[in-house]
Amino acid sequence: MSPDRRTLTLVRHAKSSWKDAGLADMDRPLNKRGRRNAPLMADWLVSESEPPELILSSPANRALTTARVMAEAVGQEPGQIQVEQDFYFAGTQGMLRALERVDDGLRRVMMVGHNPVMTRLLNQLTGADVWNMPTCAIAVIGFHMDSWGLVDCTEGKLLAYQTPKLLDPAS
């Protein structure tokens, strides 16, 4: 990887459960399909991309659980996941602010969050025209830039994109 090459992996959290109507949105867990798809997508990511050096996640249970599955698959300790309050419904600007704070010595970062922000961020950073990132979808974006602080003014290239249904139609 060249010194100015950076990779951002966007992961929408896996499918969550609405079974317990009394649970706060922040506390909703993954449902059966989410628990099946998260490891499937993590395995795909390991086969397609270099592992992230840092994983940033929304504090919501469904996102953090997805991030932990991804961390385990890429050989990181779940305790190393950096929880970002701005990922919980603070829009693309909140996600960009968190990314701009990342140490420039790190070249590969993963962000685990929510829709519609993940789809908007993907399109904003790449000029892609993705209508909707479904649950547990993964987008890998490459950048040529010297600093994460330049992410909002540097067009990224969509290197890989995968969804559970494309990978396994039974999902």
C-alpha atoms as a PDB file:
ATOM      1  CA  MET A   1       0.000   0.000   0.000  1.00  0.00           C
ATOM      2  CA  SER A   2       1.460   3.366  -1.008  1.00  0.00           C
ATOM      3  CA  PRO A   3       2.043   5.954   1.725  1.00  0.00           C
ATOM      4  CA  ASP A   4      -0.949   8.029   0.625  1.00  0.00           C
ATOM      5  CA  ARG A   5      -3.311   5.075   0.139  1.00  0.00           C
ATOM      6  CA  ARG A   6      -6.094   4.672   2.688  1.00  0.00           C
ATOM      7  CA  THR A   7      -9.018   2.265   2.855  1.00  0.00           C
ATOM      8  CA  LEU A   8     -12.350   2.902   4.523  1.00  0.00           C
ATOM      9  CA  THR A   9     -14.750   0.016   5.052  1.00  0.00           C
ATOM     10  CA  LEU A  10     -18.376   0.927   5.692  1.00  0.00           C
ATOM     11  CA  VAL A  11     -20.558  -1.701   7.358  1.00  0.00           C
ATOM     12  CA  ARG A  12     -24.243  -1.287   7.980  1.00  0.00           C
ATOM     13  CA  HIS A  13     -25.209  -3.187  11.131  1.00  0.00           C
ATOM     14  CA  ALA A  14     -26.744  -6.639  10.692  1.00  0.00           C
ATOM     15  CA  LYS A  15     -30.513  -7.176  10.889  1.00  0.00           C
ATOM     16  CA  SER A  16     -31.930  -6.322  14.299  1.00  0.00           C
ATOM     17  CA  SER A  17     -34.833  -7.712  16.258  1.00  0.00           C
ATOM     18  CA  TRP A  18     -38.075  -5.863  16.882  1.00  0.00           C
ATOM     19  CA  LYS A  19     -39.422  -8.766  18.963  1.00  0.00           C
ATOM     20  CA  ASP A  20     -39.395  -6.870  22.276  1.00  0.00           C
ATOM     21  CA  ALA A  21     -41.396  -3.694  21.629  1.00  0.00           C
ATOM     22  CA  GLY A  22     -40.455  -2.379  25.057  1.00  0.00           C
ATOM     23  CA  LEU A  23     -36.729  -2.193  24.288  1.00  0.00           C
ATOM     24  CA  ALA A  24     -35.218   1.202  23.562  1.00  0.00           C
ATOM     25  CA  ASP A  25     -33.944   1.571  20.010  1.00  0.00           C
ATOM     26  CA  MET A  26     -30.370   1.748  21.316  1.00  0.00           C
ATOM     27  CA  ASP A  27     -30.747  -1.668  22.979  1.00  0.00           C
ATOM     28  CA  ARG A  28     -32.199  -3.746  20.144  1.00  0.00           C
ATOM     29  CA  PRO A  29     -30.156  -6.944  19.555  1.00  0.00           C
ATOM     30  CA  LEU A  30     -29.502  -8.772  16.306  1.00  0.00           C
ATOM     31  CA  ASN A  31     -32.205 -11.162  15.188  1.00  0.00           C
ATOM     32  CA  LYS A  32     -31.593 -14.692  13.893  1.00  0.00           C
ATOM     33  CA  ARG A  33     -30.850 -13.507  10.347  1.00  0.00           C
ATOM     34  CA  GLY A  34     -28.491 -10.815  11.671  1.00  0.00           C
ATOM     35  CA  ARG A  35     -26.588 -13.359  13.784  1.00  0.00           C
ATOM     36  CA  ARG A  36     -26.239 -15.560  10.670  1.00  0.00           C
ATOM     37  CA  ASN A  37     -25.308 -12.784   8.221  1.00  0.00           C
ATOM     38  CA  ALA A  38     -22.698 -10.964  10.312  1.00  0.00           C
ATOM     39  CA  PRO A  39     -20.185 -13.879  10.325  1.00  0.00           C
ATOM     40  CA  LEU A  40     -20.942 -14.603   6.641  1.00  0.00           C
ATOM     41  CA  MET A  41     -20.112 -11.027   5.687  1.00  0.00           C
ATOM     42  CA  ALA A  42     -17.093 -10.929   8.002  1.00  0.00           C
ATOM     43  CA  ASP A  43     -15.677 -13.996   6.232  1.00  0.00           C
ATOM     44  CA  TRP A  44     -16.262 -12.317   2.867  1.00  0.00           C
ATOM     45  CA  LEU A  45     -14.466  -9.195   4.060  1.00  0.00           C
ATOM     46  CA  VAL A  46     -11.446 -11.195   5.231  1.00  0.00           C
ATOM     47  CA  SER A  47     -11.193 -12.824   1.788  1.00  0.00           C
ATOM     48  CA  GLU A  48     -11.528  -9.522  -0.107  1.00  0.00           C
ATOM     49  CA  SER A  49      -9.632  -6.902   1.815  1.00  0.00           C
ATOM     50  CA  GLU A  50      -6.793  -6.208   4.207  1.00  0.00           C
ATOM     51  CA  PRO A  51      -8.059  -6.073   7.794  1.00  0.00           C
ATOM     52  CA  PRO A  52      -8.819  -2.689   9.329  1.00  0.00           C
ATOM     53  CA  GLU A  53      -6.389  -1.297  11.866  1.00  0.00           C
ATOM     54  CA  LEU A  54      -9.213   0.481  13.671  1.00  0.00           C
ATOM     55  CA  ILE A  55     -12.922  -0.249  14.002  1.00  0.00           C
ATOM     56  CA  LEU A  56     -15.280   2.600  14.870  1.00  0.00           C
ATOM     57  CA  SER A  57     -18.849   1.728  15.857  1.00  0.00           C
ATOM     58  CA  SER A  58     -22.129   3.240  16.848  1.00  0.00           C
ATOM     59  CA  PRO A  59     -22.941   2.588  20.501  1.00  0.00           C
ATOM     60  CA  ALA A  60     -26.247   0.902  19.566  1.00  0.00           C
ATOM     61  CA  ASN A  61     -26.323  -2.766  20.568  1.00  0.00           C
ATOM     62  CA  ARG A  62     -27.021  -4.020  17.009  1.00  0.00           C
ATOM     63  CA  ALA A  63     -24.086  -2.038  15.569  1.00  0.00           C
ATOM     64  CA  LEU A  64     -21.670  -2.887  18.352  1.00  0.00           C
ATOM     65  CA  THR A  65     -22.535  -6.590  18.095  1.00  0.00           C
ATOM     66  CA  THR A  66     -21.892  -6.446  14.338  1.00  0.00           C
ATOM     67  CA  ALA A  67     -18.592  -4.650  14.973  1.00  0.00           C
ATOM     68  CA  ARG A  68     -17.547  -7.346  17.453  1.00  0.00           C
ATOM     69  CA  VAL A  69     -18.202 -10.090  14.885  1.00  0.00           C
ATOM     70  CA  MET A  70     -16.125  -8.152  12.330  1.00  0.00           C
ATOM     71  CA  ALA A  71     -13.328  -7.586  14.868  1.00  0.00           C
ATOM     72  CA  GLU A  72     -13.124 -11.271  15.700  1.00  0.00           C
ATOM     73  CA  ALA A  73     -12.982 -12.208  12.011  1.00  0.00           C
ATOM     74  CA  VAL A  74     -10.098  -9.823  11.306  1.00  0.00           C
ATOM     75  CA  GLY A  75      -8.147 -10.815  14.412  1.00  0.00           C
ATOM     76  CA  GLN A  76      -8.820  -7.777  16.593  1.00  0.00           C
ATOM     77  CA  GLU A  77      -9.892  -7.840  20.192  1.00  0.00           C
ATOM     78  CA  PRO A  78     -13.507  -6.652  20.569  1.00  0.00           C
ATOM     79  CA  GLY A  79     -12.273  -4.361  23.351  1.00  0.00           C
ATOM     80  CA  GLN A  80     -10.292  -2.391  20.769  1.00  0.00           C
ATOM     81  CA  ILE A  81     -13.461  -1.171  19.054  1.00  0.00           C
ATOM     82  CA  GLN A  82     -13.791   2.577  19.423  1.00  0.00           C
ATOM     83  CA  VAL A  83     -17.382   3.543  20.205  1.00  0.00           C
ATOM     84  CA  GLU A  84     -18.457   6.799  18.552  1.00  0.00           C
ATOM     85  CA  GLN A  85     -21.580   8.503  19.887  1.00  0.00           C
ATOM     86  CA  ASP A  86     -21.733  10.535  16.641  1.00  0.00           C
ATOM     87  CA  PHE A  87     -22.555   7.360  14.720  1.00  0.00           C
ATOM     88  CA  TYR A  88     -25.938   7.136  16.390  1.00  0.00           C
ATOM     89  CA  PHE A  89     -28.066   9.422  14.261  1.00  0.00           C
ATOM     90  CA  ALA A  90     -25.664  12.384  13.950  1.00  0.00           C
ATOM     91  CA  GLY A  91     -25.709  12.206  10.144  1.00  0.00           C
ATOM     92  CA  THR A  92     -22.840  12.021   7.693  1.00  0.00           C
ATOM     93  CA  GLN A  93     -21.178  15.048   9.300  1.00  0.00           C
ATOM     94  CA  GLY A  94     -20.939  13.210  12.623  1.00  0.00           C
ATOM     95  CA  MET A  95     -19.350  10.217  10.923  1.00  0.00           C
ATOM     96  CA  LEU A  96     -16.934  12.419   8.980  1.00  0.00           C
ATOM     97  CA  ARG A  97     -15.938  14.272  12.172  1.00  0.00           C
ATOM     98  CA  ALA A  98     -15.064  10.945  13.799  1.00  0.00           C
ATOM     99  CA  LEU A  99     -13.064   9.843  10.768  1.00  0.00           C
ATOM    100  CA  GLU A 100     -11.186  13.138  10.621  1.00  0.00           C
ATOM    101  CA  ARG A 101      -9.992  12.484  14.212  1.00  0.00           C
ATOM    102  CA  VAL A 102      -8.379   9.160  13.252  1.00  0.00           C
ATOM    103  CA  ASP A 103      -4.602   9.035  13.641  1.00  0.00           C
ATOM    104  CA  ASP A 104      -3.009   9.550  10.217  1.00  0.00           C
ATOM    105  CA  GLY A 105      -0.620   6.689  10.940  1.00  0.00           C
ATOM    106  CA  LEU A 106      -3.561   4.306  10.443  1.00  0.00           C
ATOM    107  CA  ARG A 107      -4.291   3.373   6.829  1.00  0.00           C
ATOM    108  CA  ARG A 108      -7.321   1.063   7.145  1.00  0.00           C
ATOM    109  CA  VAL A 109     -10.437   2.000   9.097  1.00  0.00           C
ATOM    110  CA  MET A 110     -13.847   0.359   9.430  1.00  0.00           C
ATOM    111  CA  MET A 111     -17.025   2.208  10.403  1.00  0.00           C
ATOM    112  CA  VAL A 112     -20.101   0.305  11.600  1.00  0.00           C
ATOM    113  CA  GLY A 113     -23.328   2.272  11.681  1.00  0.00           C
ATOM    114  CA  HIS A 114     -26.884   2.840  10.546  1.00  0.00           C
ATOM    115  CA  ASN A 115     -28.925   3.676   7.492  1.00  0.00           C
ATOM    116  CA  PRO A 116     -29.769   5.953   5.809  1.00  0.00           C
ATOM    117  CA  VAL A 117     -26.492   7.584   6.842  1.00  0.00           C
ATOM    118  CA  MET A 118     -24.284   4.697   5.647  1.00  0.00           C
ATOM    119  CA  THR A 119     -25.797   4.843   2.159  1.00  0.00           C
ATOM    120  CA  ARG A 120     -25.494   8.636   2.027  1.00  0.00           C
ATOM    121  CA  LEU A 121     -21.877   8.481   3.185  1.00  0.00           C
ATOM    122  CA  LEU A 122     -21.000   5.823   0.605  1.00  0.00           C
ATOM    123  CA  ASN A 123     -22.508   7.913  -2.189  1.00  0.00           C
ATOM    124  CA  GLN A 124     -20.993  11.156  -0.901  1.00  0.00           C
ATOM    125  CA  LEU A 125     -17.473   9.731  -0.676  1.00  0.00           C
ATOM    126  CA  THR A 126     -17.479   7.826  -3.971  1.00  0.00           C
ATOM    127  CA  GLY A 127     -19.996   9.461  -6.271  1.00  0.00           C
ATOM    128  CA  ALA A 128     -21.699   6.045  -6.447  1.00  0.00           C
ATOM    129  CA  ASP A 129     -25.431   5.780  -6.906  1.00  0.00           C
ATOM    130  CA  VAL A 130     -26.311   3.108  -4.360  1.00  0.00           C
ATOM    131  CA  TRP A 131     -29.992   3.396  -3.526  1.00  0.00           C
ATOM    132  CA  ASN A 132     -29.833   1.518  -0.211  1.00  0.00           C
ATOM    133  CA  MET A 133     -27.182  -0.387   1.730  1.00  0.00           C
ATOM    134  CA  PRO A 134     -29.195  -3.280   3.171  1.00  0.00           C
ATOM    135  CA  THR A 135     -28.479  -4.628   6.618  1.00  0.00           C
ATOM    136  CA  CYS A 136     -24.965  -6.047   6.932  1.00  0.00           C
ATOM    137  CA  ALA A 137     -23.883  -4.655   3.542  1.00  0.00           C
ATOM    138  CA  ILE A 138     -20.188  -3.810   3.241  1.00  0.00           C
ATOM    139  CA  ALA A 139     -18.535  -1.194   1.040  1.00  0.00           C
ATOM    140  CA  VAL A 140     -14.751  -0.906   0.739  1.00  0.00           C
ATOM    141  CA  ILE A 141     -13.557   2.509  -0.442  1.00  0.00           C
ATOM    142  CA  GLY A 142     -10.016   3.436  -1.467  1.00  0.00           C
ATOM    143  CA  PHE A 143      -8.559   6.930  -1.184  1.00  0.00           C
ATOM    144  CA  HIS A 144      -5.325   8.588  -2.225  1.00  0.00           C
ATOM    145  CA  MET A 145      -4.791  11.203   0.473  1.00  0.00           C
ATOM    146  CA  ASP A 146      -2.230  12.039   3.147  1.00  0.00           C
ATOM    147  CA  SER A 147      -4.657  12.537   6.012  1.00  0.00           C
ATOM    148  CA  TRP A 148      -8.053  11.324   7.168  1.00  0.00           C
ATOM    149  CA  GLY A 149      -8.814  15.020   7.609  1.00  0.00           C
ATOM    150  CA  LEU A 150      -9.033  15.260   3.806  1.00  0.00           C
ATOM    151  CA  VAL A 151     -11.664  12.536   3.432  1.00  0.00           C
ATOM    152  CA  ASP A 152     -14.528  14.938   2.777  1.00  0.00           C
ATOM    153  CA  CYS A 153     -12.721  16.657  -0.093  1.00  0.00           C
ATOM    154  CA  THR A 154     -11.128  13.580  -1.709  1.00  0.00           C
ATOM    155  CA  GLU A 155     -13.176  11.377  -4.017  1.00  0.00           C
ATOM    156  CA  GLY A 156     -12.889   7.754  -3.072  1.00  0.00           C
ATOM    157  CA  LYS A 157     -13.080   4.747  -5.355  1.00  0.00           C
ATOM    158  CA  LEU A 158     -15.523   1.958  -4.541  1.00  0.00           C
ATOM    159  CA  LEU A 159     -13.233  -1.096  -4.465  1.00  0.00           C
ATOM    160  CA  ALA A 160     -15.739  -3.708  -3.327  1.00  0.00           C
ATOM    161  CA  TYR A 161     -19.386  -3.906  -2.374  1.00  0.00           C
ATOM    162  CA  GLN A 162     -21.269  -6.896  -1.021  1.00  0.00           C
ATOM    163  CA  THR A 163     -24.602  -7.703   0.569  1.00  0.00           C
ATOM    164  CA  PRO A 164     -25.772 -10.859   2.331  1.00  0.00           C
ATOM    165  CA  LYS A 165     -28.362 -11.583  -0.408  1.00  0.00           C
ATOM    166  CA  LEU A 166     -25.772 -11.276  -3.197  1.00  0.00           C
ATOM    167  CA  LEU A 167     -23.426 -13.566  -1.299  1.00  0.00           C
ATOM    168  CA  ASP A 168     -26.092 -16.064  -0.210  1.00  0.00           C
ATOM    169  CA  PRO A 169     -29.566 -15.715  -1.773  1.00  0.00           C
ATOM    170  CA  ALA A 170     -31.061 -17.594   1.190  1.00  0.00           C
ATOM    171  CA  SER A 171     -30.089 -14.689   3.482  1.00  0.00           C
END
